[in-house]
Amino acid sequence: MVEIELPKRRTTRLDLTLYESASHAYFLTTCARNSAALFCDVALAREVLSCLLVQRGASGVLVFAYCLVPDHLHLLCSPSEDGRSVISFIDSFKGKSTRVCWSRGIKGKVWQRGFYDHILRSEEGLTEIAEYILANPVRAGLVEHRGQYEFCGTPDLVPNWW
């Protein structure tokens, strides 16, 4: 039998220490598995957002803006001052929210592996990225005007943060 060595899966993450720097903000998108519209259920969406906000408080990570639409979540956040990373925050949130989904009868994986991320550059303003996130439901046709969508917020947004 011939053994074939498969290539190792390439990591999609940058240097892990970058995710711990409280001087950076991160724009993250995490998608529901197979882009399933799991969060059309209003009660489930509320519980998932509750997980996000509880985890925010427990981790000390700043959440400048969030928007949960039926098939994904956008976040604008920054690590805690004591260096708790964005990666551990999002992993904990995904684990806790998955258990909430399971308790409501959803089977299997809830979230896709990993998440998409973008480290904001100094010239990119928090306010502009937050505006983009908050306008997501309008662009998706879920509501006509920003502010009508229940599952968006800016709990820690401070203009000119850095």
N, C-alpha and C. Protein backbone atom coordinates (compact mmCIF):
# COMPACT_ATOMS: atom_id res chain seq x y z
N MET A 1 0.84 -1.18 0.00
CA MET A 1 0.00 0.00 0.00
C MET A 1 0.89 1.25 0.00
N VAL A 2 0.56 2.18 -0.83
CA VAL A 2 1.31 3.42 -0.94
C VAL A 2 0.67 4.47 -0.05
N GLU A 3 1.49 5.07 0.79
CA GLU A 3 0.98 6.13 1.66
C GLU A 3 1.08 7.46 0.95
N ILE A 4 -0.01 8.19 0.95
CA ILE A 4 -0.03 9.50 0.32
C ILE A 4 -0.10 10.54 1.42
N GLU A 5 0.80 11.47 1.36
CA GLU A 5 0.80 12.54 2.35
C GLU A 5 -0.02 13.71 1.80
N LEU A 6 -1.10 14.03 2.51
CA LEU A 6 -1.95 15.14 2.10
C LEU A 6 -1.36 16.46 2.58
N PRO A 7 -1.57 17.51 1.81
CA PRO A 7 -1.06 18.81 2.27
C PRO A 7 -1.78 19.24 3.54
N LYS A 8 -1.04 19.94 4.39
CA LYS A 8 -1.65 20.45 5.62
C LYS A 8 -2.57 21.61 5.28
N ARG A 9 -3.65 21.69 6.04
CA ARG A 9 -4.60 22.78 5.84
C ARG A 9 -3.94 24.10 6.23
N ARG A 10 -4.02 25.05 5.33
CA ARG A 10 -3.42 26.36 5.57
C ARG A 10 -4.26 27.14 6.58
N THR A 11 -3.62 27.75 7.52
CA THR A 11 -4.35 28.55 8.50
C THR A 11 -4.85 29.84 7.85
N THR A 12 -6.01 30.27 8.26
CA THR A 12 -6.56 31.51 7.74
C THR A 12 -6.35 32.66 8.71
N ARG A 13 -5.70 32.39 9.82
CA ARG A 13 -5.50 33.41 10.84
C ARG A 13 -4.14 34.07 10.68
N LEU A 14 -4.09 35.30 11.09
CA LEU A 14 -2.84 36.03 11.18
C LEU A 14 -2.12 35.59 12.45
N ASP A 15 -1.01 36.19 12.75
CA ASP A 15 -0.30 35.92 13.99
C ASP A 15 -1.27 36.12 15.16
N LEU A 16 -1.40 35.11 16.01
CA LEU A 16 -2.39 35.14 17.08
C LEU A 16 -2.24 36.31 18.04
N THR A 17 -1.04 36.84 18.18
CA THR A 17 -0.85 37.97 19.09
C THR A 17 -1.58 39.21 18.58
N LEU A 18 -1.83 39.30 17.28
CA LEU A 18 -2.57 40.45 16.75
C LEU A 18 -3.99 40.50 17.28
N TYR A 19 -4.56 39.34 17.59
CA TYR A 19 -5.94 39.28 18.07
C TYR A 19 -6.06 39.62 19.55
N GLU A 20 -4.93 39.91 20.19
CA GLU A 20 -4.92 40.25 21.61
C GLU A 20 -4.60 41.72 21.84
N SER A 21 -4.28 42.45 20.79
CA SER A 21 -3.85 43.83 20.93
C SER A 21 -5.05 44.75 21.09
N ALA A 22 -5.17 45.36 22.26
CA ALA A 22 -6.29 46.25 22.52
C ALA A 22 -6.20 47.54 21.72
N SER A 23 -5.12 47.72 20.97
CA SER A 23 -5.00 48.92 20.14
C SER A 23 -5.56 48.70 18.74
N HIS A 24 -6.12 47.51 18.49
CA HIS A 24 -6.72 47.21 17.20
C HIS A 24 -8.22 46.98 17.34
N ALA A 25 -8.94 47.28 16.27
CA ALA A 25 -10.35 46.90 16.19
C ALA A 25 -10.48 45.91 15.04
N TYR A 26 -11.44 45.02 15.14
CA TYR A 26 -11.61 43.94 14.18
C TYR A 26 -13.04 43.92 13.66
N PHE A 27 -13.17 43.79 12.36
CA PHE A 27 -14.47 43.62 11.72
C PHE A 27 -14.57 42.14 11.39
N LEU A 28 -15.48 41.44 12.05
CA LEU A 28 -15.62 39.99 11.90
C LEU A 28 -16.97 39.64 11.30
N THR A 29 -16.98 38.58 10.53
CA THR A 29 -18.22 38.01 10.03
C THR A 29 -18.16 36.51 10.25
N THR A 30 -19.15 35.98 10.94
CA THR A 30 -19.24 34.54 11.11
C THR A 30 -20.60 34.10 10.56
N CYS A 31 -20.57 33.04 9.77
CA CYS A 31 -21.76 32.60 9.04
C CYS A 31 -22.36 31.35 9.65
N ALA A 32 -23.68 31.23 9.52
CA ALA A 32 -24.35 30.01 9.93
C ALA A 32 -23.92 28.89 8.98
N ARG A 33 -23.93 27.68 9.47
CA ARG A 33 -23.50 26.55 8.64
C ARG A 33 -24.31 26.51 7.35
N ASN A 34 -23.64 26.27 6.27
CA ASN A 34 -24.27 26.19 4.95
C ASN A 34 -25.12 27.40 4.62
N SER A 35 -24.81 28.52 5.23
CA SER A 35 -25.57 29.77 5.04
C SER A 35 -27.06 29.59 5.32
N ALA A 36 -27.37 28.70 6.26
CA ALA A 36 -28.77 28.46 6.63
C ALA A 36 -29.34 29.69 7.35
N ALA A 37 -30.58 30.01 7.07
CA ALA A 37 -31.25 31.16 7.68
C ALA A 37 -31.82 30.76 9.05
N LEU A 38 -30.93 30.38 9.96
CA LEU A 38 -31.34 29.89 11.28
C LEU A 38 -31.96 30.97 12.15
N PHE A 39 -31.56 32.22 11.93
CA PHE A 39 -31.95 33.27 12.86
C PHE A 39 -33.15 34.07 12.39
N CYS A 40 -33.97 33.46 11.54
CA CYS A 40 -35.26 34.06 11.18
C CYS A 40 -36.23 33.95 12.35
N ASP A 41 -36.02 32.96 13.18
CA ASP A 41 -36.82 32.76 14.39
C ASP A 41 -36.45 33.88 15.37
N VAL A 42 -37.39 34.77 15.63
CA VAL A 42 -37.14 35.96 16.45
C VAL A 42 -36.70 35.57 17.86
N ALA A 43 -37.35 34.59 18.46
CA ALA A 43 -36.99 34.19 19.83
C ALA A 43 -35.56 33.63 19.86
N LEU A 44 -35.20 32.84 18.87
CA LEU A 44 -33.85 32.29 18.81
C LEU A 44 -32.83 33.41 18.59
N ALA A 45 -33.12 34.33 17.69
CA ALA A 45 -32.21 35.45 17.44
C ALA A 45 -31.99 36.26 18.72
N ARG A 46 -33.04 36.46 19.49
CA ARG A 46 -32.89 37.19 20.77
C ARG A 46 -31.97 36.44 21.73
N GLU A 47 -32.13 35.11 21.80
CA GLU A 47 -31.30 34.32 22.69
C GLU A 47 -29.84 34.31 22.24
N VAL A 48 -29.61 34.24 20.94
CA VAL A 48 -28.25 34.25 20.41
C VAL A 48 -27.59 35.60 20.72
N LEU A 49 -28.33 36.69 20.53
CA LEU A 49 -27.77 38.01 20.86
C LEU A 49 -27.53 38.15 22.36
N SER A 50 -28.38 37.55 23.15
CA SER A 50 -28.15 37.56 24.59
C SER A 50 -26.83 36.86 24.92
N CYS A 51 -26.56 35.74 24.25
CA CYS A 51 -25.27 35.05 24.43
C CYS A 51 -24.11 35.97 24.08
N LEU A 52 -24.25 36.70 22.98
CA LEU A 52 -23.20 37.62 22.55
C LEU A 52 -22.92 38.67 23.61
N LEU A 53 -23.99 39.28 24.13
CA LEU A 53 -23.82 40.37 25.09
C LEU A 53 -23.34 39.86 26.45
N VAL A 54 -23.77 38.68 26.85
CA VAL A 54 -23.28 38.08 28.10
C VAL A 54 -21.79 37.76 27.95
N GLN A 55 -21.41 37.18 26.82
CA GLN A 55 -20.01 36.84 26.60
C GLN A 55 -19.15 38.10 26.53
N ARG A 56 -19.69 39.15 25.97
CA ARG A 56 -19.01 40.46 25.92
C ARG A 56 -18.68 40.90 27.35
N GLY A 57 -19.66 40.83 28.24
CA GLY A 57 -19.44 41.23 29.63
C GLY A 57 -18.45 40.32 30.34
N ALA A 58 -18.53 39.03 30.09
CA ALA A 58 -17.65 38.08 30.77
C ALA A 58 -16.20 38.19 30.29
N SER A 59 -16.01 38.53 29.02
CA SER A 59 -14.66 38.54 28.46
C SER A 59 -13.98 39.90 28.54
N GLY A 60 -14.78 40.95 28.65
CA GLY A 60 -14.21 42.30 28.63
C GLY A 60 -13.92 42.82 27.24
N VAL A 61 -14.21 42.01 26.22
CA VAL A 61 -14.02 42.45 24.84
C VAL A 61 -15.02 43.57 24.55
N LEU A 62 -14.55 44.61 23.88
CA LEU A 62 -15.44 45.71 23.49
C LEU A 62 -16.15 45.34 22.20
N VAL A 63 -17.46 45.48 22.19
CA VAL A 63 -18.25 45.25 20.97
C VAL A 63 -18.78 46.61 20.55
N PHE A 64 -18.17 47.17 19.51
CA PHE A 64 -18.55 48.49 19.04
C PHE A 64 -19.85 48.46 18.24
N ALA A 65 -20.05 47.39 17.47
CA ALA A 65 -21.28 47.25 16.69
C ALA A 65 -21.49 45.77 16.37
N TYR A 66 -22.76 45.39 16.26
CA TYR A 66 -23.10 44.03 15.86
C TYR A 66 -24.37 44.06 15.03
N CYS A 67 -24.55 43.04 14.22
CA CYS A 67 -25.78 42.85 13.47
C CYS A 67 -25.94 41.37 13.17
N LEU A 68 -27.00 40.78 13.69
CA LEU A 68 -27.33 39.38 13.44
C LEU A 68 -28.45 39.35 12.41
N VAL A 69 -28.16 38.85 11.22
CA VAL A 69 -29.17 38.68 10.18
C VAL A 69 -29.46 37.18 10.09
N PRO A 70 -30.43 36.76 9.29
CA PRO A 70 -30.82 35.35 9.32
C PRO A 70 -29.70 34.32 9.15
N ASP A 71 -28.65 34.66 8.39
CA ASP A 71 -27.64 33.64 8.13
C ASP A 71 -26.21 34.00 8.53
N HIS A 72 -25.99 35.15 9.18
CA HIS A 72 -24.64 35.50 9.63
C HIS A 72 -24.68 36.61 10.67
N LEU A 73 -23.51 36.81 11.27
CA LEU A 73 -23.33 37.84 12.29
C LEU A 73 -22.14 38.70 11.91
N HIS A 74 -22.33 40.01 11.93
CA HIS A 74 -21.23 40.97 11.77
C HIS A 74 -20.90 41.53 13.15
N LEU A 75 -19.61 41.69 13.42
CA LEU A 75 -19.15 42.27 14.68
C LEU A 75 -18.02 43.25 14.41
N LEU A 76 -18.02 44.32 15.14
CA LEU A 76 -16.89 45.24 15.18
C LEU A 76 -16.46 45.26 16.63
N CYS A 77 -15.26 44.76 16.92
CA CYS A 77 -14.88 44.59 18.31
C CYS A 77 -13.38 44.79 18.51
N SER A 78 -12.99 44.80 19.77
CA SER A 78 -11.59 44.97 20.15
C SER A 78 -11.32 44.11 21.38
N PRO A 79 -10.11 43.54 21.48
CA PRO A 79 -9.78 42.72 22.65
C PRO A 79 -9.90 43.51 23.95
N SER A 80 -10.00 42.79 25.04
CA SER A 80 -10.08 43.45 26.34
C SER A 80 -8.73 44.09 26.69
N GLU A 81 -8.77 45.00 27.60
CA GLU A 81 -7.55 45.68 28.05
C GLU A 81 -6.54 44.71 28.65
N ASP A 82 -7.03 43.62 29.25
CA ASP A 82 -6.11 42.66 29.86
C ASP A 82 -5.64 41.59 28.87
N GLY A 83 -5.94 41.79 27.58
CA GLY A 83 -5.39 40.91 26.55
C GLY A 83 -6.21 39.69 26.21
N ARG A 84 -7.45 39.62 26.67
CA ARG A 84 -8.29 38.48 26.25
C ARG A 84 -8.60 38.65 24.77
N SER A 85 -8.30 37.65 24.01
CA SER A 85 -8.33 37.79 22.55
C SER A 85 -9.73 37.74 21.96
N VAL A 86 -9.82 38.30 20.79
CA VAL A 86 -11.05 38.27 20.00
C VAL A 86 -11.37 36.83 19.62
N ILE A 87 -10.34 36.04 19.34
CA ILE A 87 -10.57 34.64 18.94
C ILE A 87 -11.23 33.87 20.08
N SER A 88 -10.73 33.99 21.31
CA SER A 88 -11.35 33.26 22.42
C SER A 88 -12.77 33.76 22.67
N PHE A 89 -13.00 35.07 22.49
CA PHE A 89 -14.34 35.63 22.64
C PHE A 89 -15.31 35.02 21.62
N ILE A 90 -14.93 35.01 20.36
CA ILE A 90 -15.84 34.50 19.32
C ILE A 90 -16.03 32.99 19.46
N ASP A 91 -14.97 32.27 19.84
CA ASP A 91 -15.11 30.83 20.06
C ASP A 91 -16.07 30.53 21.20
N SER A 92 -15.96 31.27 22.30
CA SER A 92 -16.87 31.06 23.44
C SER A 92 -18.30 31.40 23.06
N PHE A 93 -18.47 32.52 22.35
CA PHE A 93 -19.81 32.91 21.91
C PHE A 93 -20.41 31.83 21.01
N LYS A 94 -19.65 31.34 20.05
CA LYS A 94 -20.17 30.33 19.13
C LYS A 94 -20.55 29.05 19.88
N GLY A 95 -19.75 28.66 20.87
CA GLY A 95 -20.07 27.47 21.65
C GLY A 95 -21.34 27.63 22.47
N LYS A 96 -21.46 28.75 23.14
CA LYS A 96 -22.66 29.00 23.97
C LYS A 96 -23.91 29.15 23.11
N SER A 97 -23.80 29.87 22.00
CA SER A 97 -24.97 30.05 21.14
C SER A 97 -25.37 28.75 20.44
N THR A 98 -24.39 27.89 20.18
CA THR A 98 -24.71 26.58 19.60
C THR A 98 -25.55 25.78 20.58
N ARG A 99 -25.18 25.81 21.86
CA ARG A 99 -25.97 25.07 22.86
C ARG A 99 -27.40 25.63 22.97
N VAL A 100 -27.55 26.94 22.83
CA VAL A 100 -28.89 27.54 22.81
C VAL A 100 -29.68 27.00 21.63
N CYS A 101 -29.05 26.94 20.47
CA CYS A 101 -29.73 26.44 19.27
C CYS A 101 -30.13 24.97 19.45
N TRP A 102 -29.24 24.18 20.02
CA TRP A 102 -29.55 22.77 20.26
C TRP A 102 -30.74 22.63 21.20
N SER A 103 -30.82 23.50 22.21
CA SER A 103 -31.94 23.42 23.16
C SER A 103 -33.27 23.74 22.47
N ARG A 104 -33.21 24.37 21.29
CA ARG A 104 -34.42 24.71 20.53
C ARG A 104 -34.64 23.74 19.38
N GLY A 105 -33.92 22.60 19.39
CA GLY A 105 -34.17 21.55 18.41
C GLY A 105 -33.31 21.59 17.16
N ILE A 106 -32.41 22.53 17.04
CA ILE A 106 -31.52 22.57 15.88
C ILE A 106 -30.43 21.52 16.10
N LYS A 107 -30.19 20.73 15.09
CA LYS A 107 -29.23 19.63 15.19
C LYS A 107 -27.91 19.99 14.51
N GLY A 108 -26.83 19.42 15.01
CA GLY A 108 -25.53 19.54 14.37
C GLY A 108 -24.87 20.89 14.55
N LYS A 109 -23.93 21.16 13.67
CA LYS A 109 -23.17 22.41 13.75
C LYS A 109 -24.06 23.58 13.40
N VAL A 110 -23.89 24.67 14.11
CA VAL A 110 -24.67 25.89 13.88
C VAL A 110 -23.86 26.88 13.06
N TRP A 111 -22.59 27.01 13.39
CA TRP A 111 -21.72 28.01 12.74
C TRP A 111 -20.71 27.33 11.83
N GLN A 112 -20.35 28.03 10.77
CA GLN A 112 -19.26 27.54 9.93
C GLN A 112 -17.96 27.63 10.70
N ARG A 113 -16.99 26.82 10.30
CA ARG A 113 -15.68 26.83 10.94
C ARG A 113 -15.03 28.20 10.75
N GLY A 114 -14.47 28.73 11.81
CA GLY A 114 -13.75 29.99 11.73
C GLY A 114 -14.65 31.18 11.51
N PHE A 115 -14.06 32.24 10.99
CA PHE A 115 -14.79 33.47 10.70
C PHE A 115 -13.92 34.31 9.78
N TYR A 116 -14.54 35.25 9.14
CA TYR A 116 -13.81 36.19 8.29
C TYR A 116 -13.43 37.38 9.16
N ASP A 117 -12.23 37.91 8.96
CA ASP A 117 -11.84 39.03 9.79
C ASP A 117 -11.07 40.07 8.98
N HIS A 118 -11.11 41.26 9.50
CA HIS A 118 -10.39 42.39 8.91
C HIS A 118 -9.94 43.27 10.06
N ILE A 119 -8.63 43.48 10.16
CA ILE A 119 -8.12 44.39 11.18
C ILE A 119 -8.22 45.79 10.61
N LEU A 120 -8.88 46.68 11.34
CA LEU A 120 -9.02 48.05 10.87
C LEU A 120 -7.68 48.75 10.85
N ARG A 121 -7.46 49.49 9.81
CA ARG A 121 -6.26 50.33 9.72
C ARG A 121 -6.58 51.65 10.40
N SER A 122 -5.56 52.39 10.75
CA SER A 122 -5.79 53.62 11.50
C SER A 122 -6.65 54.61 10.73
N GLU A 123 -6.60 54.57 9.39
CA GLU A 123 -7.41 55.52 8.62
C GLU A 123 -8.87 55.08 8.48
N GLU A 124 -9.16 53.86 8.86
CA GLU A 124 -10.54 53.37 8.81
C GLU A 124 -11.22 53.71 10.13
N GLY A 125 -12.27 54.47 10.08
CA GLY A 125 -12.95 54.89 11.29
C GLY A 125 -13.94 53.86 11.80
N LEU A 126 -14.01 53.74 13.11
CA LEU A 126 -15.00 52.85 13.72
C LEU A 126 -16.41 53.23 13.30
N THR A 127 -16.68 54.51 13.27
CA THR A 127 -18.03 54.97 12.96
C THR A 127 -18.46 54.52 11.57
N GLU A 128 -17.56 54.62 10.59
CA GLU A 128 -17.91 54.23 9.22
C GLU A 128 -18.18 52.73 9.12
N ILE A 129 -17.34 51.93 9.77
CA ILE A 129 -17.55 50.47 9.75
C ILE A 129 -18.83 50.12 10.51
N ALA A 130 -19.06 50.79 11.64
CA ALA A 130 -20.30 50.55 12.40
C ALA A 130 -21.52 50.89 11.55
N GLU A 131 -21.46 52.00 10.82
CA GLU A 131 -22.56 52.39 9.93
C GLU A 131 -22.81 51.31 8.88
N TYR A 132 -21.73 50.78 8.33
CA TYR A 132 -21.85 49.70 7.33
C TYR A 132 -22.56 48.48 7.94
N ILE A 133 -22.14 48.11 9.15
CA ILE A 133 -22.74 46.96 9.83
C ILE A 133 -24.22 47.21 10.11
N LEU A 134 -24.55 48.39 10.63
CA LEU A 134 -25.94 48.70 10.99
C LEU A 134 -26.84 48.82 9.76
N ALA A 135 -26.27 49.11 8.60
CA ALA A 135 -27.05 49.22 7.37
C ALA A 135 -27.25 47.87 6.69
N ASN A 136 -26.65 46.82 7.20
CA ASN A 136 -26.75 45.50 6.58
C ASN A 136 -28.19 45.03 6.38
N PRO A 137 -29.08 45.18 7.36
CA PRO A 137 -30.46 44.73 7.16
C PRO A 137 -31.19 45.50 6.05
N VAL A 138 -30.84 46.76 5.86
CA VAL A 138 -31.45 47.56 4.78
C VAL A 138 -30.96 47.03 3.44
N ARG A 139 -29.64 46.83 3.32
CA ARG A 139 -29.07 46.29 2.07
C ARG A 139 -29.64 44.92 1.75
N ALA A 140 -29.92 44.12 2.78
CA ALA A 140 -30.45 42.77 2.58
C ALA A 140 -31.95 42.76 2.34
N GLY A 141 -32.60 43.93 2.42
CA GLY A 141 -34.04 44.01 2.20
C GLY A 141 -34.88 43.52 3.36
N LEU A 142 -34.30 43.43 4.55
CA LEU A 142 -35.05 42.97 5.72
C LEU A 142 -35.91 44.07 6.31
N VAL A 143 -35.46 45.33 6.17
CA VAL A 143 -36.20 46.50 6.63
C VAL A 143 -35.98 47.62 5.63
N GLU A 144 -36.79 48.66 5.72
CA GLU A 144 -36.64 49.79 4.81
C GLU A 144 -35.67 50.83 5.33
N HIS A 145 -35.61 51.00 6.66
CA HIS A 145 -34.79 52.06 7.24
C HIS A 145 -33.94 51.51 8.38
N ARG A 146 -32.74 52.06 8.48
CA ARG A 146 -31.87 51.70 9.58
C ARG A 146 -32.58 52.07 10.89
N GLY A 147 -32.41 51.26 11.88
CA GLY A 147 -33.06 51.50 13.16
C GLY A 147 -34.33 50.70 13.33
N GLN A 148 -34.86 50.14 12.24
CA GLN A 148 -36.07 49.32 12.32
C GLN A 148 -35.75 47.87 12.69
N TYR A 149 -34.50 47.50 12.58
CA TYR A 149 -34.11 46.11 12.77
C TYR A 149 -33.67 45.89 14.22
N GLU A 150 -34.28 44.94 14.85
CA GLU A 150 -34.07 44.69 16.28
C GLU A 150 -32.69 44.13 16.62
N PHE A 151 -32.06 43.46 15.70
CA PHE A 151 -30.87 42.67 16.03
C PHE A 151 -29.56 43.35 15.65
N CYS A 152 -29.52 44.66 15.80
CA CYS A 152 -28.32 45.46 15.59
C CYS A 152 -28.10 46.33 16.82
N GLY A 153 -26.86 46.68 17.07
CA GLY A 153 -26.59 47.57 18.18
C GLY A 153 -25.17 48.07 18.20
N THR A 154 -24.94 49.06 19.06
CA THR A 154 -23.61 49.66 19.24
C THR A 154 -23.32 49.85 20.72
N PRO A 155 -23.17 48.76 21.47
CA PRO A 155 -23.05 48.90 22.92
C PRO A 155 -21.80 49.64 23.40
N ASP A 156 -20.68 49.51 22.72
CA ASP A 156 -19.44 50.12 23.20
C ASP A 156 -18.86 51.15 22.23
N LEU A 157 -19.65 51.62 21.29
CA LEU A 157 -19.12 52.52 20.28
C LEU A 157 -18.79 53.88 20.86
N VAL A 158 -17.56 54.28 20.72
CA VAL A 158 -17.09 55.59 21.14
C VAL A 158 -16.42 56.20 19.91
N PRO A 159 -16.98 57.24 19.33
CA PRO A 159 -16.34 57.84 18.14
C PRO A 159 -14.88 58.23 18.45
N ASN A 160 -14.06 58.11 17.44
CA ASN A 160 -12.65 58.44 17.56
C ASN A 160 -11.96 57.64 18.66
N TRP A 161 -12.29 56.34 18.72
CA TRP A 161 -11.77 55.45 19.76
C TRP A 161 -10.25 55.49 19.83
N TRP A 162 -9.58 55.50 18.70
CA TRP A 162 -8.12 55.59 18.76
C TRP A 162 -7.74 56.86 18.18
